[in-house]
Amino acid sequence: MTCNRSVSPIAARSPSGWHGLPLLLLAALLAAACTPLPLAAPAAITCPQPAVAIDPAWLEERASLAQLEFALCDDLATLRRAHACLRPGDEIWTFATPPETWKAGAGRAGFAIVRDGAIVGGVLRCAE
């Protein structure tokens, strides 16, 4: 018995009728390349840290973000790190070491970032 089967010109050129497979694979590869994969958790943002640990007793007064930005206008890398560190509810405080440290030539002053009552970072702006 003979069976006549009509074959489309496209199917006749590709074995087994898989003519769209290469294009499908290419589209899947391009889509995968454009979709970010969560392979690892994003790195935690570290707040800028001064060379000396800030004692909470050194905090003087609250400062505004504008004051911090003005003080860091010459250090954009530190300013970017400070911006990345700040969260809603964080406070910016000025700090200075006690007068005796300045007399001894070891005084420090700058800004501290306070989150939930704890100092999480800071920027040193003046050192003797």
Protein backbone atom coordinates (compact mmCIF):
# COMPACT_ATOMS: atom_id res chain seq x y z
CA MET A 1 0.00 0.00 0.00
CA THR A 2 1.30 3.41 -0.91
CA CYS A 3 0.73 6.46 1.22
CA ASN A 4 1.06 9.89 -0.32
CA ARG A 5 2.05 12.48 2.16
CA SER A 6 2.32 16.08 1.20
CA VAL A 7 5.47 17.76 2.51
CA SER A 8 5.91 21.48 2.81
CA PRO A 9 8.96 23.00 1.12
CA ILE A 10 10.38 24.03 4.53
CA ALA A 11 9.98 20.55 6.01
CA ALA A 12 11.56 19.08 2.91
CA ARG A 13 14.72 21.09 3.51
CA SER A 14 15.08 20.19 7.20
CA PRO A 15 15.30 16.64 8.47
CA SER A 16 12.43 15.53 10.69
CA GLY A 17 10.73 18.95 10.43
CA TRP A 18 12.93 20.58 13.12
CA HIS A 19 13.63 23.62 10.98
CA GLY A 20 12.86 26.11 13.77
CA LEU A 21 15.02 24.45 16.43
CA PRO A 22 18.23 26.42 15.75
CA LEU A 23 16.33 29.71 15.89
CA LEU A 24 14.54 28.62 19.05
CA LEU A 25 17.84 27.73 20.71
CA LEU A 26 19.38 31.03 19.65
CA ALA A 27 16.41 32.96 21.06
CA ALA A 28 16.63 31.02 24.34
CA LEU A 29 20.37 31.75 24.64
CA LEU A 30 19.84 35.45 23.98
CA ALA A 31 17.02 35.61 26.53
CA ALA A 32 19.17 33.84 29.12
CA ALA A 33 22.08 36.19 28.48
CA CYS A 34 19.87 39.22 29.05
CA THR A 35 18.26 37.92 32.24
CA PRO A 36 20.33 38.39 35.40
CA LEU A 37 20.60 35.24 37.45
CA PRO A 38 20.65 35.46 41.25
CA LEU A 39 23.81 33.38 41.59
CA ALA A 40 24.96 35.09 44.74
CA ALA A 41 23.48 37.49 47.22
CA PRO A 42 24.47 41.10 46.57
CA ALA A 43 27.42 42.27 48.60
CA ALA A 44 26.49 44.08 51.77
CA ILE A 45 27.09 47.79 51.63
CA THR A 46 29.78 48.76 54.09
CA CYS A 47 29.57 52.15 55.66
CA PRO A 48 32.64 54.35 55.50
CA GLN A 49 34.79 53.83 58.58
CA PRO A 50 37.19 56.40 60.01
CA ALA A 51 40.69 55.37 61.01
CA VAL A 52 39.72 55.62 64.68
CA ALA A 53 36.65 54.06 66.34
CA ILE A 54 34.10 56.71 67.29
CA ASP A 55 33.18 56.80 70.95
CA PRO A 56 29.48 57.66 71.43
CA ALA A 57 30.55 60.21 74.07
CA TRP A 58 32.21 62.21 71.27
CA LEU A 59 28.93 62.89 69.45
CA GLU A 60 28.21 66.60 69.52
CA GLU A 61 25.13 67.53 67.51
CA ARG A 62 22.92 66.25 64.73
CA ALA A 63 23.91 67.31 61.25
CA SER A 64 21.98 67.42 58.02
CA LEU A 65 22.70 65.45 54.88
CA ALA A 66 23.53 68.76 53.19
CA GLN A 67 26.23 69.44 55.81
CA LEU A 68 27.76 66.01 55.22
CA GLU A 69 27.64 66.50 51.44
CA PHE A 70 29.29 69.92 51.74
CA ALA A 71 32.04 68.52 53.95
CA LEU A 72 32.69 65.69 51.47
CA CYS A 73 32.50 67.73 48.26
CA ASP A 74 36.22 67.10 47.69
CA ASP A 75 35.98 63.32 48.33
CA LEU A 76 33.31 61.94 46.01
CA ALA A 77 34.22 58.29 46.61
CA THR A 78 33.57 58.63 50.35
CA LEU A 79 30.44 60.66 49.66
CA ARG A 80 29.08 57.88 47.42
CA ARG A 81 29.82 55.28 50.12
CA ALA A 82 28.09 57.43 52.73
CA HIS A 83 25.03 57.85 50.49
CA ALA A 84 24.90 54.09 49.85
CA CYS A 85 25.15 53.41 53.58
CA LEU A 86 22.35 55.73 54.68
CA ARG A 87 18.95 54.18 55.39
CA PRO A 88 15.64 55.82 56.30
CA GLY A 89 15.77 56.76 59.97
CA ASP A 90 19.57 57.04 60.13
CA GLU A 91 21.00 60.09 61.84
CA ILE A 92 24.12 62.05 60.95
CA TRP A 93 26.03 63.50 63.88
CA THR A 94 29.17 65.58 64.16
CA PHE A 95 31.81 64.26 66.50
CA ALA A 96 35.07 65.46 68.01
CA THR A 97 37.51 63.84 70.37
CA PRO A 98 38.04 65.48 73.80
CA PRO A 99 40.14 68.67 74.08
CA GLU A 100 43.07 66.82 75.68
CA THR A 101 43.50 64.73 72.51
CA TRP A 102 43.83 67.93 70.48
CA LYS A 103 46.41 69.30 72.93
CA ALA A 104 48.35 66.06 72.57
CA GLY A 105 48.23 66.32 68.77
CA ALA A 106 45.85 63.36 68.40
CA GLY A 107 42.50 65.12 67.95
CA ARG A 108 39.91 63.84 65.50
CA ALA A 109 36.62 65.29 64.21
CA GLY A 110 34.09 64.42 61.55
CA PHE A 111 30.69 62.88 61.00
CA ALA A 112 29.15 59.72 62.43
CA ILE A 113 26.27 57.72 60.95
CA VAL A 114 23.97 56.49 63.73
CA ARG A 115 21.41 53.73 63.14
CA ASP A 116 19.06 52.63 65.91
CA GLY A 117 21.33 54.24 68.52
CA ALA A 118 24.52 52.53 67.29
CA ILE A 119 27.32 54.13 65.30
CA VAL A 120 27.54 52.19 62.02
CA GLY A 121 30.00 54.39 60.15
CA GLY A 122 31.74 57.69 60.06
CA VAL A 123 33.87 60.09 58.11
CA LEU A 124 36.99 61.73 59.48
CA ARG A 125 37.29 65.34 58.36
CA CYS A 126 39.89 66.76 60.66
CA ALA A 127 42.88 65.13 62.32
CA GLU A 128 45.90 66.51 64.14
